[in-house]
Amino acid sequence: MGGDGRGATAQDATDPEGASRIALTAAATELLRLLRDQHGPLMFHQSGGCCDGSAPMCYPAGEFRTGSSDVLLARLAVEGVPEPVGFWMSADQFARWRHTHLTVDVVPGRGSGFSLEAPEGVRFLIRSRLFTDEERVRLGD
């Protein structure tokens, strides 16, 4: 069972009332525009594994096969990118982070060689904070 990075095989964890589980910094947005120009449509996956697996990994959309053990946190609208960028997380990690708002950022350094940003000399990382009481209510957590 697999998905295309935008697919229906995983639970969509976005909220219809507009509460956000994930956001992008300006630096992440800029890098995603660059990567989109170089590689076409994109997706993220965060596995929660050891080492680089705990960082968000960026792939061409559909290159990483998602399945029933993955949760779709958002279809991110990125300014200057024509299609949404799916952000997937392993279900086990989502179970631990479900009460946390995530922000994708970029820092100097070398991350995984499998993630598209590696040749740029930067890496994506997650910054997090607990949801407010209002956000938890809107998300049904």
C-alpha atoms as a PDB file:
ATOM      1  CA  MET A   1       0.000   0.000   0.000  1.00  0.00           C
ATOM      2  CA  GLY A   2       1.485   3.351  -0.952  1.00  0.00           C
ATOM      3  CA  GLY A   3       0.684   6.916  -1.779  1.00  0.00           C
ATOM      4  CA  ASP A   4       1.861   9.628  -4.079  1.00  0.00           C
ATOM      5  CA  GLY A   5       2.769  12.166  -1.399  1.00  0.00           C
ATOM      6  CA  ARG A   6      -0.646  13.763  -1.785  1.00  0.00           C
ATOM      7  CA  GLY A   7      -2.676  10.625  -1.371  1.00  0.00           C
ATOM      8  CA  ALA A   8      -5.580   9.068   0.313  1.00  0.00           C
ATOM      9  CA  THR A   9      -3.865   6.183   2.083  1.00  0.00           C
ATOM     10  CA  ALA A  10      -3.210   8.141   5.271  1.00  0.00           C
ATOM     11  CA  GLN A  11      -5.314  10.058   7.723  1.00  0.00           C
ATOM     12  CA  ASP A  12      -5.393  13.814   7.014  1.00  0.00           C
ATOM     13  CA  ALA A  13      -4.670  15.606  10.302  1.00  0.00           C
ATOM     14  CA  THR A  14      -5.562  19.106   9.109  1.00  0.00           C
ATOM     15  CA  ASP A  15      -8.498  20.899  10.712  1.00  0.00           C
ATOM     16  CA  PRO A  16     -11.472  22.104   8.670  1.00  0.00           C
ATOM     17  CA  GLU A  17     -11.905  25.109  10.989  1.00  0.00           C
ATOM     18  CA  GLY A  18      -8.445  26.427  10.132  1.00  0.00           C
ATOM     19  CA  ALA A  19      -6.363  25.381  13.144  1.00  0.00           C
ATOM     20  CA  SER A  20      -2.888  24.612  11.902  1.00  0.00           C
ATOM     21  CA  ARG A  21      -0.682  21.726  12.975  1.00  0.00           C
ATOM     22  CA  ILE A  22       2.301  22.880  10.947  1.00  0.00           C
ATOM     23  CA  ALA A  23       3.804  26.071   9.534  1.00  0.00           C
ATOM     24  CA  LEU A  24       6.853  27.170   7.544  1.00  0.00           C
ATOM     25  CA  THR A  25       9.395  29.868   8.310  1.00  0.00           C
ATOM     26  CA  ALA A  26      10.324  32.365   5.597  1.00  0.00           C
ATOM     27  CA  ALA A  27      13.641  30.522   5.141  1.00  0.00           C
ATOM     28  CA  ALA A  28      11.853  27.186   4.646  1.00  0.00           C
ATOM     29  CA  THR A  29       9.461  28.786   2.160  1.00  0.00           C
ATOM     30  CA  GLU A  30      12.350  30.224   0.152  1.00  0.00           C
ATOM     31  CA  LEU A  31      14.201  26.902   0.127  1.00  0.00           C
ATOM     32  CA  LEU A  32      11.077  25.026  -0.950  1.00  0.00           C
ATOM     33  CA  ARG A  33      10.665  27.408  -3.913  1.00  0.00           C
ATOM     34  CA  LEU A  34      14.273  26.692  -4.944  1.00  0.00           C
ATOM     35  CA  LEU A  35      13.851  22.926  -4.523  1.00  0.00           C
ATOM     36  CA  ARG A  36      10.557  22.985  -6.448  1.00  0.00           C
ATOM     37  CA  ASP A  37      12.286  24.747  -9.355  1.00  0.00           C
ATOM     38  CA  GLN A  38      15.031  22.096  -9.341  1.00  0.00           C
ATOM     39  CA  HIS A  39      13.025  18.916  -8.656  1.00  0.00           C
ATOM     40  CA  GLY A  40       9.346  19.497  -9.405  1.00  0.00           C
ATOM     41  CA  PRO A  41       6.510  18.832  -6.919  1.00  0.00           C
ATOM     42  CA  LEU A  42       7.672  18.090  -3.356  1.00  0.00           C
ATOM     43  CA  MET A  43       6.670  16.268  -0.196  1.00  0.00           C
ATOM     44  CA  PHE A  44       7.970  15.922   3.371  1.00  0.00           C
ATOM     45  CA  HIS A  45       8.116  12.833   5.548  1.00  0.00           C
ATOM     46  CA  GLN A  46       9.225  12.650   9.166  1.00  0.00           C
ATOM     47  CA  SER A  47       9.678   9.153  10.503  1.00  0.00           C
ATOM     48  CA  GLY A  48      10.755   9.745  14.077  1.00  0.00           C
ATOM     49  CA  GLY A  49      13.543   7.223  13.711  1.00  0.00           C
ATOM     50  CA  CYS A  50      17.068   7.692  14.929  1.00  0.00           C
ATOM     51  CA  CYS A  51      19.594  10.078  13.444  1.00  0.00           C
ATOM     52  CA  ASP A  52      18.265  11.946  10.409  1.00  0.00           C
ATOM     53  CA  GLY A  53      14.957  10.067  10.576  1.00  0.00           C
ATOM     54  CA  SER A  54      13.827  12.447  13.299  1.00  0.00           C
ATOM     55  CA  ALA A  55      14.251  15.438  10.942  1.00  0.00           C
ATOM     56  CA  PRO A  56      11.764  16.318   8.213  1.00  0.00           C
ATOM     57  CA  MET A  57      12.995  14.866   4.937  1.00  0.00           C
ATOM     58  CA  CYS A  58      12.093  16.530   1.645  1.00  0.00           C
ATOM     59  CA  TYR A  59      11.587  14.367  -1.448  1.00  0.00           C
ATOM     60  CA  PRO A  60      10.147  14.739  -4.918  1.00  0.00           C
ATOM     61  CA  ALA A  61       6.413  14.090  -4.509  1.00  0.00           C
ATOM     62  CA  GLY A  62       5.741  10.371  -4.670  1.00  0.00           C
ATOM     63  CA  GLU A  63       9.371   9.294  -4.233  1.00  0.00           C
ATOM     64  CA  PHE A  64       8.767   8.303  -0.616  1.00  0.00           C
ATOM     65  CA  ARG A  65       5.926   5.804  -0.472  1.00  0.00           C
ATOM     66  CA  THR A  66       3.436   6.553   2.257  1.00  0.00           C
ATOM     67  CA  GLY A  67       0.959   4.097   3.656  1.00  0.00           C
ATOM     68  CA  SER A  68      -1.467   3.345   6.432  1.00  0.00           C
ATOM     69  CA  SER A  69       1.270   3.822   9.053  1.00  0.00           C
ATOM     70  CA  ASP A  70       1.656   7.493   8.013  1.00  0.00           C
ATOM     71  CA  VAL A  71      -0.421  10.558   8.891  1.00  0.00           C
ATOM     72  CA  LEU A  72      -0.879  13.489   6.534  1.00  0.00           C
ATOM     73  CA  LEU A  73      -0.435  16.550   8.787  1.00  0.00           C
ATOM     74  CA  ALA A  74      -1.022  19.140   6.085  1.00  0.00           C
ATOM     75  CA  ARG A  75      -1.012  20.012   2.454  1.00  0.00           C
ATOM     76  CA  LEU A  76       1.135  23.117   2.790  1.00  0.00           C
ATOM     77  CA  ALA A  77       0.388  26.074   0.537  1.00  0.00           C
ATOM     78  CA  VAL A  78       3.815  27.540  -0.226  1.00  0.00           C
ATOM     79  CA  GLU A  79       3.963  30.960  -1.854  1.00  0.00           C
ATOM     80  CA  GLY A  80       5.518  30.604  -5.295  1.00  0.00           C
ATOM     81  CA  VAL A  81       4.942  26.828  -5.454  1.00  0.00           C
ATOM     82  CA  PRO A  82       2.021  25.892  -7.719  1.00  0.00           C
ATOM     83  CA  GLU A  83       0.885  22.771  -5.843  1.00  0.00           C
ATOM     84  CA  PRO A  84       0.596  21.937  -2.134  1.00  0.00           C
ATOM     85  CA  VAL A  85       3.531  20.251  -0.397  1.00  0.00           C
ATOM     86  CA  GLY A  86       2.302  17.271   1.597  1.00  0.00           C
ATOM     87  CA  PHE A  87       3.782  16.839   5.079  1.00  0.00           C
ATOM     88  CA  TRP A  88       3.571  13.256   6.338  1.00  0.00           C
ATOM     89  CA  MET A  89       4.631  11.815   9.682  1.00  0.00           C
ATOM     90  CA  SER A  90       4.799   8.256  10.914  1.00  0.00           C
ATOM     91  CA  ALA A  91       1.726   7.393  12.975  1.00  0.00           C
ATOM     92  CA  ASP A  92       3.859   6.424  15.987  1.00  0.00           C
ATOM     93  CA  GLN A  93       5.538   9.818  16.039  1.00  0.00           C
ATOM     94  CA  PHE A  94       2.235  11.628  15.460  1.00  0.00           C
ATOM     95  CA  ALA A  95       0.790   9.856  18.502  1.00  0.00           C
ATOM     96  CA  ARG A  96       3.536  11.450  20.616  1.00  0.00           C
ATOM     97  CA  TRP A  97       3.433  14.889  18.933  1.00  0.00           C
ATOM     98  CA  ARG A  98      -0.314  15.314  18.351  1.00  0.00           C
ATOM     99  CA  HIS A  99      -0.542  18.105  20.967  1.00  0.00           C
ATOM    100  CA  THR A 100       2.329  20.045  19.403  1.00  0.00           C
ATOM    101  CA  HIS A 101       2.402  22.744  16.717  1.00  0.00           C
ATOM    102  CA  LEU A 102       5.349  22.222  14.380  1.00  0.00           C
ATOM    103  CA  THR A 103       7.269  24.816  12.399  1.00  0.00           C
ATOM    104  CA  VAL A 104       9.587  23.735   9.590  1.00  0.00           C
ATOM    105  CA  ASP A 105      12.755  25.837   9.596  1.00  0.00           C
ATOM    106  CA  VAL A 106      16.145  25.755   7.862  1.00  0.00           C
ATOM    107  CA  VAL A 107      19.579  25.899   9.503  1.00  0.00           C
ATOM    108  CA  PRO A 108      23.119  25.701   8.123  1.00  0.00           C
ATOM    109  CA  GLY A 109      24.649  22.254   8.139  1.00  0.00           C
ATOM    110  CA  ARG A 110      24.430  18.945   6.435  1.00  0.00           C
ATOM    111  CA  GLY A 111      21.425  16.752   7.081  1.00  0.00           C
ATOM    112  CA  SER A 112      20.587  13.517   5.355  1.00  0.00           C
ATOM    113  CA  GLY A 113      21.969  12.837   1.929  1.00  0.00           C
ATOM    114  CA  PHE A 114      18.506  11.549   1.002  1.00  0.00           C
ATOM    115  CA  SER A 115      16.743  14.873   1.623  1.00  0.00           C
ATOM    116  CA  LEU A 116      16.738  17.274  -1.334  1.00  0.00           C
ATOM    117  CA  GLU A 117      18.226  20.227   0.558  1.00  0.00           C
ATOM    118  CA  ALA A 118      21.485  18.407   1.447  1.00  0.00           C
ATOM    119  CA  PRO A 119      23.505  19.754  -1.531  1.00  0.00           C
ATOM    120  CA  GLU A 120      22.516  23.320  -0.559  1.00  0.00           C
ATOM    121  CA  GLY A 121      24.558  23.163   2.679  1.00  0.00           C
ATOM    122  CA  VAL A 122      21.456  23.515   4.860  1.00  0.00           C
ATOM    123  CA  ARG A 123      18.973  21.193   6.495  1.00  0.00           C
ATOM    124  CA  PHE A 124      15.345  21.308   7.471  1.00  0.00           C
ATOM    125  CA  LEU A 125      14.474  20.973  11.142  1.00  0.00           C
ATOM    126  CA  ILE A 126      11.363  21.152  13.292  1.00  0.00           C
ATOM    127  CA  ARG A 127      10.710  23.746  15.969  1.00  0.00           C
ATOM    128  CA  SER A 128       7.789  22.921  18.218  1.00  0.00           C
ATOM    129  CA  ARG A 129       5.498  24.323  20.867  1.00  0.00           C
ATOM    130  CA  LEU A 130       2.484  22.931  22.692  1.00  0.00           C
ATOM    131  CA  PHE A 131      -0.910  23.892  21.318  1.00  0.00           C
ATOM    132  CA  THR A 132      -2.842  26.541  23.209  1.00  0.00           C
ATOM    133  CA  ASP A 133      -6.104  25.488  24.874  1.00  0.00           C
ATOM    134  CA  GLU A 134      -8.017  27.166  22.034  1.00  0.00           C
ATOM    135  CA  GLU A 135      -6.021  25.318  19.367  1.00  0.00           C
ATOM    136  CA  ARG A 136      -6.585  21.991  21.133  1.00  0.00           C
ATOM    137  CA  VAL A 137     -10.339  22.603  21.183  1.00  0.00           C
ATOM    138  CA  ARG A 138     -10.380  23.550  17.479  1.00  0.00           C
ATOM    139  CA  LEU A 139      -8.375  20.432  16.608  1.00  0.00           C
ATOM    140  CA  GLY A 140     -10.482  18.174  18.812  1.00  0.00           C
ATOM    141  CA  ASP A 141      -7.490  17.029  20.897  1.00  0.00           C
END
